[in-house]
Amino acid sequence: MSKPHLLVHEKKDTVGVVVVEGLKAGTDMLGVITHDNSDFRLTAKMDIPIGHKVALKAIKKGDTIWKYGQDIGKAVADIGQGEHLHVQNVKTKRW
């Protein structure tokens, strides 16, 4: 298997974490789900820095964001599959 571009912990996760430097829009990414070592492909829709999140599917404004099998917040804007998730489109539910 080639080296993955992103890692996902659980099948229910809606985001993965980019694990390569310099990921560019248009990259056909290899993703690995660490829970069962399965893999999948996803196209990056924008440049995404290492350590940042990418949407595994289209996420609607108000949807819960799942990472590591945990609720990490909600979408405050629509996010397309393969797009970058960060402070501009995800907020905590704590306040």
N, C-alpha and C. Protein backbone atom coordinates (compact mmCIF):
# COMPACT_ATOMS: atom_id res chain seq x y z
N MET A 1 0.84 -1.18 0.00
CA MET A 1 0.00 0.00 0.00
C MET A 1 0.89 1.25 0.00
N SER A 2 0.48 2.28 -0.71
CA SER A 2 1.18 3.56 -0.70
C SER A 2 0.99 4.23 0.65
N LYS A 3 1.78 5.26 0.92
CA LYS A 3 1.62 6.02 2.15
C LYS A 3 0.33 6.82 2.08
N PRO A 4 -0.44 6.84 3.16
CA PRO A 4 -1.72 7.58 3.15
C PRO A 4 -1.51 9.09 3.20
N HIS A 5 -2.49 9.81 2.65
CA HIS A 5 -2.54 11.27 2.73
C HIS A 5 -3.32 11.73 3.95
N LEU A 6 -4.28 10.88 4.38
CA LEU A 6 -5.09 11.25 5.54
C LEU A 6 -5.45 10.01 6.34
N LEU A 7 -5.67 10.25 7.64
CA LEU A 7 -6.05 9.18 8.56
C LEU A 7 -7.41 9.48 9.17
N VAL A 8 -8.18 8.42 9.35
CA VAL A 8 -9.50 8.47 9.97
C VAL A 8 -9.49 7.38 11.04
N HIS A 9 -10.06 7.64 12.20
CA HIS A 9 -10.02 6.65 13.26
C HIS A 9 -11.21 5.69 13.25
N GLU A 10 -12.41 6.21 13.03
CA GLU A 10 -13.62 5.38 13.10
C GLU A 10 -14.43 5.55 11.82
N LYS A 11 -15.18 4.52 11.45
CA LYS A 11 -16.01 4.60 10.24
C LYS A 11 -17.06 5.69 10.32
N LYS A 12 -17.53 6.03 11.54
CA LYS A 12 -18.56 7.07 11.65
C LYS A 12 -18.00 8.49 11.57
N ASP A 13 -16.66 8.63 11.57
CA ASP A 13 -16.06 9.96 11.47
C ASP A 13 -16.47 10.65 10.17
N THR A 14 -16.66 11.94 10.25
CA THR A 14 -17.01 12.72 9.05
C THR A 14 -15.83 13.55 8.56
N VAL A 15 -14.71 13.50 9.30
CA VAL A 15 -13.48 14.19 8.89
C VAL A 15 -12.29 13.26 9.07
N GLY A 16 -11.26 13.53 8.28
CA GLY A 16 -9.98 12.86 8.43
C GLY A 16 -8.91 13.91 8.64
N VAL A 17 -7.74 13.48 9.08
CA VAL A 17 -6.63 14.39 9.34
C VAL A 17 -5.57 14.19 8.27
N VAL A 18 -5.16 15.29 7.64
CA VAL A 18 -4.12 15.26 6.61
C VAL A 18 -2.77 14.99 7.29
N VAL A 19 -2.02 14.02 6.76
CA VAL A 19 -0.76 13.62 7.37
C VAL A 19 0.44 13.80 6.43
N VAL A 20 0.29 14.62 5.40
CA VAL A 20 1.40 14.92 4.49
C VAL A 20 1.54 16.44 4.35
N GLU A 21 2.76 16.88 4.12
CA GLU A 21 3.03 18.30 3.88
C GLU A 21 2.63 18.66 2.45
N GLY A 22 2.14 19.87 2.28
CA GLY A 22 1.91 20.41 0.95
C GLY A 22 0.79 19.77 0.15
N LEU A 23 -0.27 19.32 0.80
CA LEU A 23 -1.40 18.70 0.08
C LEU A 23 -2.08 19.76 -0.78
N LYS A 24 -2.17 19.52 -2.06
CA LYS A 24 -2.72 20.48 -3.02
C LYS A 24 -4.11 20.06 -3.50
N ALA A 25 -4.90 21.07 -3.84
CA ALA A 25 -6.21 20.83 -4.45
C ALA A 25 -6.04 19.93 -5.66
N GLY A 26 -6.96 19.00 -5.82
CA GLY A 26 -6.93 18.08 -6.95
C GLY A 26 -6.20 16.77 -6.66
N THR A 27 -5.54 16.67 -5.51
CA THR A 27 -4.83 15.44 -5.15
C THR A 27 -5.83 14.31 -4.92
N ASP A 28 -5.56 13.16 -5.54
CA ASP A 28 -6.33 11.94 -5.28
C ASP A 28 -5.73 11.32 -4.04
N MET A 29 -6.37 11.57 -2.89
CA MET A 29 -5.81 11.16 -1.60
C MET A 29 -6.14 9.71 -1.27
N LEU A 30 -5.17 9.04 -0.66
CA LEU A 30 -5.39 7.73 -0.08
C LEU A 30 -5.68 7.95 1.39
N GLY A 31 -6.83 7.47 1.86
CA GLY A 31 -7.20 7.56 3.26
C GLY A 31 -7.21 6.18 3.88
N VAL A 32 -6.84 6.11 5.17
CA VAL A 32 -6.85 4.85 5.91
C VAL A 32 -7.68 5.03 7.17
N ILE A 33 -8.58 4.08 7.42
CA ILE A 33 -9.36 4.05 8.66
C ILE A 33 -8.59 3.15 9.61
N THR A 34 -8.03 3.75 10.67
CA THR A 34 -7.13 3.00 11.54
C THR A 34 -7.82 1.92 12.36
N HIS A 35 -9.12 2.07 12.63
CA HIS A 35 -9.85 1.08 13.42
C HIS A 35 -9.78 -0.31 12.80
N ASP A 36 -9.89 -0.38 11.47
CA ASP A 36 -9.88 -1.69 10.81
C ASP A 36 -8.88 -1.79 9.65
N ASN A 37 -8.04 -0.75 9.51
CA ASN A 37 -7.01 -0.69 8.47
C ASN A 37 -7.57 -0.74 7.05
N SER A 38 -8.83 -0.37 6.87
CA SER A 38 -9.40 -0.29 5.52
C SER A 38 -8.95 1.02 4.88
N ASP A 39 -9.07 1.11 3.56
CA ASP A 39 -8.65 2.33 2.88
C ASP A 39 -9.72 2.80 1.90
N PHE A 40 -9.58 4.03 1.45
CA PHE A 40 -10.51 4.66 0.52
C PHE A 40 -9.80 5.77 -0.22
N ARG A 41 -10.42 6.31 -1.25
CA ARG A 41 -9.87 7.41 -2.04
C ARG A 41 -10.80 8.61 -1.90
N LEU A 42 -10.21 9.79 -1.95
CA LEU A 42 -10.96 11.04 -1.84
C LEU A 42 -10.14 12.12 -2.53
N THR A 43 -10.80 13.00 -3.29
CA THR A 43 -10.11 14.08 -3.97
C THR A 43 -10.15 15.35 -3.13
N ALA A 44 -8.99 15.95 -2.92
CA ALA A 44 -8.91 17.22 -2.19
C ALA A 44 -9.45 18.34 -3.07
N LYS A 45 -10.36 19.13 -2.53
CA LYS A 45 -10.97 20.23 -3.29
C LYS A 45 -10.20 21.55 -3.11
N MET A 46 -9.28 21.57 -2.13
CA MET A 46 -8.48 22.77 -1.87
C MET A 46 -7.18 22.35 -1.21
N ASP A 47 -6.23 23.25 -1.17
CA ASP A 47 -4.99 22.98 -0.44
C ASP A 47 -5.33 22.85 1.04
N ILE A 48 -4.74 21.86 1.71
CA ILE A 48 -5.01 21.62 3.13
C ILE A 48 -3.69 21.35 3.85
N PRO A 49 -3.39 22.15 4.89
CA PRO A 49 -2.13 21.96 5.61
C PRO A 49 -2.09 20.65 6.40
N ILE A 50 -0.89 20.16 6.63
CA ILE A 50 -0.70 18.97 7.45
C ILE A 50 -1.30 19.20 8.84
N GLY A 51 -1.96 18.18 9.37
CA GLY A 51 -2.57 18.26 10.69
C GLY A 51 -3.98 18.84 10.69
N HIS A 52 -4.43 19.34 9.54
CA HIS A 52 -5.77 19.93 9.46
C HIS A 52 -6.77 18.88 8.98
N LYS A 53 -8.05 19.20 9.14
CA LYS A 53 -9.13 18.26 8.82
C LYS A 53 -9.67 18.46 7.41
N VAL A 54 -10.13 17.37 6.82
CA VAL A 54 -10.77 17.37 5.51
C VAL A 54 -12.10 16.63 5.63
N ALA A 55 -13.13 17.16 4.97
CA ALA A 55 -14.47 16.53 5.00
C ALA A 55 -14.47 15.25 4.17
N LEU A 56 -14.94 14.18 4.77
CA LEU A 56 -15.03 12.90 4.07
C LEU A 56 -16.30 12.78 3.25
N LYS A 57 -17.29 13.63 3.56
CA LYS A 57 -18.56 13.67 2.84
C LYS A 57 -19.06 15.10 2.93
N ALA A 58 -20.08 15.44 2.18
CA ALA A 58 -20.68 16.77 2.29
C ALA A 58 -21.29 16.92 3.68
N ILE A 59 -21.02 18.06 4.30
CA ILE A 59 -21.52 18.34 5.65
C ILE A 59 -22.36 19.62 5.56
N LYS A 60 -23.54 19.57 6.09
CA LYS A 60 -24.45 20.72 6.07
C LYS A 60 -24.27 21.59 7.30
N LYS A 61 -24.56 22.87 7.15
CA LYS A 61 -24.54 23.80 8.28
C LYS A 61 -25.41 23.22 9.40
N GLY A 62 -24.87 23.18 10.62
CA GLY A 62 -25.59 22.64 11.77
C GLY A 62 -25.28 21.19 12.08
N ASP A 63 -24.68 20.45 11.11
CA ASP A 63 -24.36 19.04 11.34
C ASP A 63 -23.26 18.91 12.39
N THR A 64 -23.30 17.80 13.11
CA THR A 64 -22.25 17.44 14.05
C THR A 64 -21.03 16.95 13.27
N ILE A 65 -19.85 17.35 13.73
CA ILE A 65 -18.59 16.91 13.15
C ILE A 65 -18.03 15.79 14.03
N TRP A 66 -17.69 14.65 13.41
CA TRP A 66 -17.17 13.49 14.13
C TRP A 66 -15.71 13.26 13.77
N LYS A 67 -14.86 13.19 14.81
CA LYS A 67 -13.42 12.92 14.64
C LYS A 67 -13.02 12.02 15.81
N TYR A 68 -12.23 10.98 15.54
CA TYR A 68 -11.83 10.01 16.56
C TYR A 68 -13.05 9.36 17.21
N GLY A 69 -14.17 9.28 16.48
CA GLY A 69 -15.39 8.71 17.02
C GLY A 69 -16.09 9.61 18.02
N GLN A 70 -15.65 10.86 18.12
CA GLN A 70 -16.19 11.80 19.10
C GLN A 70 -16.80 13.01 18.42
N ASP A 71 -17.80 13.59 19.04
CA ASP A 71 -18.42 14.84 18.61
C ASP A 71 -17.43 15.96 18.94
N ILE A 72 -16.90 16.64 17.92
CA ILE A 72 -15.93 17.71 18.17
C ILE A 72 -16.50 19.10 17.89
N GLY A 73 -17.77 19.18 17.48
CA GLY A 73 -18.36 20.48 17.22
C GLY A 73 -19.43 20.41 16.15
N LYS A 74 -19.78 21.59 15.63
CA LYS A 74 -20.81 21.65 14.60
C LYS A 74 -20.34 22.53 13.45
N ALA A 75 -20.86 22.22 12.28
CA ALA A 75 -20.56 23.02 11.09
C ALA A 75 -21.34 24.33 11.16
N VAL A 76 -20.67 25.44 10.93
CA VAL A 76 -21.35 26.75 10.91
C VAL A 76 -21.54 27.24 9.48
N ALA A 77 -21.16 26.39 8.52
CA ALA A 77 -21.36 26.64 7.10
C ALA A 77 -21.39 25.29 6.40
N ASP A 78 -21.95 25.24 5.21
CA ASP A 78 -21.88 24.02 4.42
C ASP A 78 -20.42 23.75 4.05
N ILE A 79 -20.03 22.47 4.09
CA ILE A 79 -18.65 22.07 3.77
C ILE A 79 -18.74 20.93 2.77
N GLY A 80 -18.14 21.09 1.63
CA GLY A 80 -18.19 20.05 0.60
C GLY A 80 -17.20 18.93 0.86
N GLN A 81 -17.50 17.77 0.31
CA GLN A 81 -16.59 16.63 0.40
C GLN A 81 -15.23 17.03 -0.14
N GLY A 82 -14.18 16.73 0.60
CA GLY A 82 -12.82 17.05 0.16
C GLY A 82 -12.36 18.45 0.51
N GLU A 83 -13.22 19.22 1.23
CA GLU A 83 -12.86 20.59 1.60
C GLU A 83 -12.25 20.65 2.99
N HIS A 84 -11.53 21.72 3.24
CA HIS A 84 -10.83 22.00 4.49
C HIS A 84 -11.82 22.40 5.59
N LEU A 85 -11.68 21.81 6.77
CA LEU A 85 -12.44 22.23 7.95
C LEU A 85 -11.49 22.93 8.90
N HIS A 86 -11.90 24.09 9.36
CA HIS A 86 -11.07 24.85 10.29
C HIS A 86 -11.96 25.87 10.99
N VAL A 87 -11.39 26.87 11.61
CA VAL A 87 -12.16 27.82 12.42
C VAL A 87 -13.20 28.60 11.61
N GLN A 88 -13.06 28.66 10.31
CA GLN A 88 -14.01 29.40 9.49
C GLN A 88 -15.33 28.66 9.29
N ASN A 89 -15.34 27.33 9.51
CA ASN A 89 -16.57 26.59 9.24
C ASN A 89 -16.95 25.56 10.31
N VAL A 90 -16.20 25.47 11.41
CA VAL A 90 -16.52 24.56 12.50
C VAL A 90 -16.34 25.28 13.83
N LYS A 91 -17.29 25.09 14.72
CA LYS A 91 -17.23 25.69 16.06
C LYS A 91 -17.56 24.64 17.11
N THR A 92 -17.03 24.82 18.31
CA THR A 92 -17.36 23.94 19.42
C THR A 92 -18.82 24.14 19.82
N LYS A 93 -19.41 23.14 20.45
CA LYS A 93 -20.77 23.25 20.97
C LYS A 93 -20.76 23.72 22.42
N ARG A 94 -19.58 23.90 22.99
CA ARG A 94 -19.46 24.24 24.41
C ARG A 94 -19.96 25.63 24.73
N TRP A 95 -19.82 26.59 23.83
CA TRP A 95 -20.30 27.96 24.07
C TRP A 95 -20.64 28.63 22.79
